[in-house]
């Protein structure tokens, strides 16, 4: 699959860091989610619309490889792209870089399952055709 990416600029806020001024590892998950949400919106697929249609995209797996620290006040760039699409899931690839120093902060991969939101239990279902098309499927 071709790499059509989206880049989200972010400014590291004080509340996202630990006592040393370094971005707390859990804050990066929010950065990934924000970039993915904006990427999907830019491709015409908002999470809110999917959920109103009864479709959810719960995280199935998450892998992060930290390369260097990000610090309070730094400008970051979160790049996201669709790594792969399967019948009932989508996997997104990520890189976060320090914008001012051209330093790689982390690489990540997040797999989302496609699930029907009706009932108490989530039921895995195929990706809707419009979502698959928007994310790069044919």
C-alpha atoms as a PDB file:
ATOM      1  CA  UNK A   1       0.000   0.000   0.000  1.00  0.00           C
ATOM      2  CA  UNK A   2       1.373   3.441  -0.906  1.00  0.00           C
ATOM      3  CA  UNK A   3       2.302   5.733   1.951  1.00  0.00           C
ATOM      4  CA  UNK A   4      -0.117   8.688   1.944  1.00  0.00           C
ATOM      5  CA  UNK A   5       0.696  10.406   5.194  1.00  0.00           C
ATOM      6  CA  UNK A   6      -0.662  13.224   7.309  1.00  0.00           C
ATOM      7  CA  UNK A   7       1.463  15.361   9.625  1.00  0.00           C
ATOM      8  CA  UNK A   8       0.123  17.034  12.762  1.00  0.00           C
ATOM      9  CA  UNK A   9       2.212  19.745  14.451  1.00  0.00           C
ATOM     10  CA  UNK A  10       2.097  19.682  18.272  1.00  0.00           C
ATOM     11  CA  UNK A  11       3.564  21.841  21.027  1.00  0.00           C
ATOM     12  CA  UNK A  12       4.616  19.957  24.165  1.00  0.00           C
ATOM     13  CA  UNK A  13       2.660  21.338  27.112  1.00  0.00           C
ATOM     14  CA  UNK A  14       3.928  21.332  30.687  1.00  0.00           C
ATOM     15  CA  UNK A  15       1.142  19.019  31.903  1.00  0.00           C
ATOM     16  CA  UNK A  16       2.302  16.304  29.478  1.00  0.00           C
ATOM     17  CA  UNK A  17       5.726  16.075  31.105  1.00  0.00           C
ATOM     18  CA  UNK A  18       7.179  14.554  34.236  1.00  0.00           C
ATOM     19  CA  UNK A  19       9.205  16.260  36.962  1.00  0.00           C
ATOM     20  CA  UNK A  20      12.270  16.283  34.661  1.00  0.00           C
ATOM     21  CA  UNK A  21      10.431  18.168  31.890  1.00  0.00           C
ATOM     22  CA  UNK A  22      10.405  15.080  29.672  1.00  0.00           C
ATOM     23  CA  UNK A  23       7.181  14.023  27.940  1.00  0.00           C
ATOM     24  CA  UNK A  24       5.649  11.179  29.947  1.00  0.00           C
ATOM     25  CA  UNK A  25       5.469   7.989  27.898  1.00  0.00           C
ATOM     26  CA  UNK A  26       1.666   7.783  28.202  1.00  0.00           C
ATOM     27  CA  UNK A  27       1.250  11.267  26.689  1.00  0.00           C
ATOM     28  CA  UNK A  28       2.490   9.929  23.370  1.00  0.00           C
ATOM     29  CA  UNK A  29      -0.579   7.706  23.051  1.00  0.00           C
ATOM     30  CA  UNK A  30      -2.756  10.841  23.045  1.00  0.00           C
ATOM     31  CA  UNK A  31      -0.497  12.361  20.382  1.00  0.00           C
ATOM     32  CA  UNK A  32      -0.924   9.261  18.191  1.00  0.00           C
ATOM     33  CA  UNK A  33      -4.688   9.280  18.632  1.00  0.00           C
ATOM     34  CA  UNK A  34      -4.985  12.986  17.833  1.00  0.00           C
ATOM     35  CA  UNK A  35      -2.954  12.563  14.641  1.00  0.00           C
ATOM     36  CA  UNK A  36      -4.974   9.507  13.572  1.00  0.00           C
ATOM     37  CA  UNK A  37      -8.283  11.276  14.243  1.00  0.00           C
ATOM     38  CA  UNK A  38      -7.215  14.318  12.224  1.00  0.00           C
ATOM     39  CA  UNK A  39      -5.848  12.104   9.434  1.00  0.00           C
ATOM     40  CA  UNK A  40      -9.179  10.308   9.149  1.00  0.00           C
ATOM     41  CA  UNK A  41     -11.106  13.605   9.179  1.00  0.00           C
ATOM     42  CA  UNK A  42      -8.867  14.913   6.395  1.00  0.00           C
ATOM     43  CA  UNK A  43      -9.816  11.792   4.412  1.00  0.00           C
ATOM     44  CA  UNK A  44     -13.545  12.396   4.997  1.00  0.00           C
ATOM     45  CA  UNK A  45     -14.109   9.870   7.803  1.00  0.00           C
ATOM     46  CA  UNK A  46     -14.768  11.335  11.248  1.00  0.00           C
ATOM     47  CA  UNK A  47     -14.885   9.122  14.320  1.00  0.00           C
ATOM     48  CA  UNK A  48     -18.103  10.835  15.416  1.00  0.00           C
ATOM     49  CA  UNK A  49     -19.870   9.964  12.151  1.00  0.00           C
ATOM     50  CA  UNK A  50     -18.645   6.365  12.294  1.00  0.00           C
ATOM     51  CA  UNK A  51     -19.914   5.990  15.853  1.00  0.00           C
ATOM     52  CA  UNK A  52     -23.292   7.518  14.967  1.00  0.00           C
ATOM     53  CA  UNK A  53     -23.483   4.873  12.233  1.00  0.00           C
ATOM     54  CA  UNK A  54     -22.845   2.166  14.869  1.00  0.00           C
ATOM     55  CA  UNK A  55     -19.190   1.498  13.991  1.00  0.00           C
ATOM     56  CA  UNK A  56     -16.334   1.663  16.504  1.00  0.00           C
ATOM     57  CA  UNK A  57     -12.589   1.316  16.017  1.00  0.00           C
ATOM     58  CA  UNK A  58     -11.164  -0.058  19.273  1.00  0.00           C
ATOM     59  CA  UNK A  59      -7.414  -0.469  19.601  1.00  0.00           C
ATOM     60  CA  UNK A  60      -6.413  -4.096  19.080  1.00  0.00           C
ATOM     61  CA  UNK A  61      -2.667  -3.611  19.486  1.00  0.00           C
ATOM     62  CA  UNK A  62      -0.189  -0.819  20.140  1.00  0.00           C
ATOM     63  CA  UNK A  63       3.575  -0.865  19.740  1.00  0.00           C
ATOM     64  CA  UNK A  64       5.868   2.078  20.491  1.00  0.00           C
ATOM     65  CA  UNK A  65       9.631   2.239  20.115  1.00  0.00           C
ATOM     66  CA  UNK A  66      11.087   5.263  21.920  1.00  0.00           C
ATOM     67  CA  UNK A  67      14.220   6.706  20.272  1.00  0.00           C
ATOM     68  CA  UNK A  68      14.859   9.956  22.183  1.00  0.00           C
ATOM     69  CA  UNK A  69      13.195  12.201  24.742  1.00  0.00           C
ATOM     70  CA  UNK A  70      10.795  15.017  23.930  1.00  0.00           C
ATOM     71  CA  UNK A  71      10.789  17.947  26.317  1.00  0.00           C
ATOM     72  CA  UNK A  72       8.515  20.705  27.551  1.00  0.00           C
ATOM     73  CA  UNK A  73       8.229  23.528  25.004  1.00  0.00           C
ATOM     74  CA  UNK A  74       9.449  21.552  21.986  1.00  0.00           C
ATOM     75  CA  UNK A  75       7.590  21.585  18.709  1.00  0.00           C
ATOM     76  CA  UNK A  76       6.801  18.073  17.473  1.00  0.00           C
ATOM     77  CA  UNK A  77       5.521  16.661  14.205  1.00  0.00           C
ATOM     78  CA  UNK A  78       3.401  13.522  14.322  1.00  0.00           C
ATOM     79  CA  UNK A  79       3.300  11.747  10.971  1.00  0.00           C
ATOM     80  CA  UNK A  80       0.674   9.035  10.458  1.00  0.00           C
ATOM     81  CA  UNK A  81      -0.155   6.770   7.525  1.00  0.00           C
ATOM     82  CA  UNK A  82      -2.075   3.575   6.811  1.00  0.00           C
ATOM     83  CA  UNK A  83       0.360   0.699   7.082  1.00  0.00           C
ATOM     84  CA  UNK A  84      -2.144  -1.974   6.070  1.00  0.00           C
ATOM     85  CA  UNK A  85      -5.843  -2.727   5.715  1.00  0.00           C
ATOM     86  CA  UNK A  86      -7.446  -6.069   6.380  1.00  0.00           C
ATOM     87  CA  UNK A  87     -11.058  -7.140   6.122  1.00  0.00           C
ATOM     88  CA  UNK A  88     -11.932  -6.029   9.675  1.00  0.00           C
ATOM     89  CA  UNK A  89      -8.951  -3.944  10.783  1.00  0.00           C
ATOM     90  CA  UNK A  90      -6.631  -1.087   9.878  1.00  0.00           C
ATOM     91  CA  UNK A  91      -3.030  -0.663  10.997  1.00  0.00           C
ATOM     92  CA  UNK A  92      -1.505   2.804  11.199  1.00  0.00           C
ATOM     93  CA  UNK A  93       2.209   3.623  11.225  1.00  0.00           C
ATOM     94  CA  UNK A  94       3.660   6.673  12.979  1.00  0.00           C
ATOM     95  CA  UNK A  95       6.794   8.703  13.447  1.00  0.00           C
ATOM     96  CA  UNK A  96       7.111  11.554  15.907  1.00  0.00           C
ATOM     97  CA  UNK A  97       9.970  13.989  15.332  1.00  0.00           C
ATOM     98  CA  UNK A  98      11.225  17.116  17.034  1.00  0.00           C
ATOM     99  CA  UNK A  99      10.510  19.778  14.400  1.00  0.00           C
ATOM    100  CA  UNK A 100      13.331  22.132  15.340  1.00  0.00           C
ATOM    101  CA  UNK A 101      16.132  19.579  15.643  1.00  0.00           C
ATOM    102  CA  UNK A 102      15.053  16.983  13.034  1.00  0.00           C
ATOM    103  CA  UNK A 103      15.349  14.375  15.812  1.00  0.00           C
ATOM    104  CA  UNK A 104      13.337  11.132  15.762  1.00  0.00           C
ATOM    105  CA  UNK A 105      11.420  10.753  19.029  1.00  0.00           C
ATOM    106  CA  UNK A 106       9.565   7.495  18.369  1.00  0.00           C
ATOM    107  CA  UNK A 107       8.072   5.099  15.885  1.00  0.00           C
ATOM    108  CA  UNK A 108       4.770   3.369  16.539  1.00  0.00           C
ATOM    109  CA  UNK A 109       2.167   1.078  15.068  1.00  0.00           C
ATOM    110  CA  UNK A 110      -1.481   0.882  16.123  1.00  0.00           C
ATOM    111  CA  UNK A 111      -3.964  -1.706  14.880  1.00  0.00           C
ATOM    112  CA  UNK A 112      -7.661  -0.868  15.136  1.00  0.00           C
ATOM    113  CA  UNK A 113     -10.394  -3.473  14.869  1.00  0.00           C
ATOM    114  CA  UNK A 114     -13.690  -2.609  13.241  1.00  0.00           C
ATOM    115  CA  UNK A 115     -16.628  -3.376  15.521  1.00  0.00           C
ATOM    116  CA  UNK A 116     -20.379  -2.914  15.667  1.00  0.00           C
ATOM    117  CA  UNK A 117     -21.345  -0.820  18.681  1.00  0.00           C
ATOM    118  CA  UNK A 118     -24.786  -2.363  19.194  1.00  0.00           C
ATOM    119  CA  UNK A 119     -25.346  -4.451  22.288  1.00  0.00           C
ATOM    120  CA  UNK A 120     -23.100  -4.877  25.310  1.00  0.00           C
ATOM    121  CA  UNK A 121     -20.263  -6.737  23.601  1.00  0.00           C
ATOM    122  CA  UNK A 122     -18.385  -5.354  20.629  1.00  0.00           C
ATOM    123  CA  UNK A 123     -18.826  -7.541  17.568  1.00  0.00           C
ATOM    124  CA  UNK A 124     -16.055  -7.520  14.960  1.00  0.00           C
ATOM    125  CA  UNK A 125     -17.320  -6.590  11.493  1.00  0.00           C
ATOM    126  CA  UNK A 126     -15.828  -5.733   8.098  1.00  0.00           C
ATOM    127  CA  UNK A 127     -14.553  -2.216   7.473  1.00  0.00           C
ATOM    128  CA  UNK A 128     -17.308  -0.173   5.799  1.00  0.00           C
ATOM    129  CA  UNK A 129     -16.550   0.332   2.080  1.00  0.00           C
ATOM    130  CA  UNK A 130     -16.383   4.140   2.457  1.00  0.00           C
ATOM    131  CA  UNK A 131     -13.851   3.858   5.293  1.00  0.00           C
ATOM    132  CA  UNK A 132     -11.733   1.330   3.415  1.00  0.00           C
ATOM    133  CA  UNK A 133     -11.742   3.574   0.350  1.00  0.00           C
ATOM    134  CA  UNK A 134     -10.883   6.690   2.361  1.00  0.00           C
ATOM    135  CA  UNK A 135      -7.968   4.928   4.020  1.00  0.00           C
ATOM    136  CA  UNK A 136      -6.509   3.843   0.719  1.00  0.00           C
ATOM    137  CA  UNK A 137      -8.124   0.537  -0.143  1.00  0.00           C
ATOM    138  CA  UNK A 138      -9.412  -0.064  -3.625  1.00  0.00           C
END
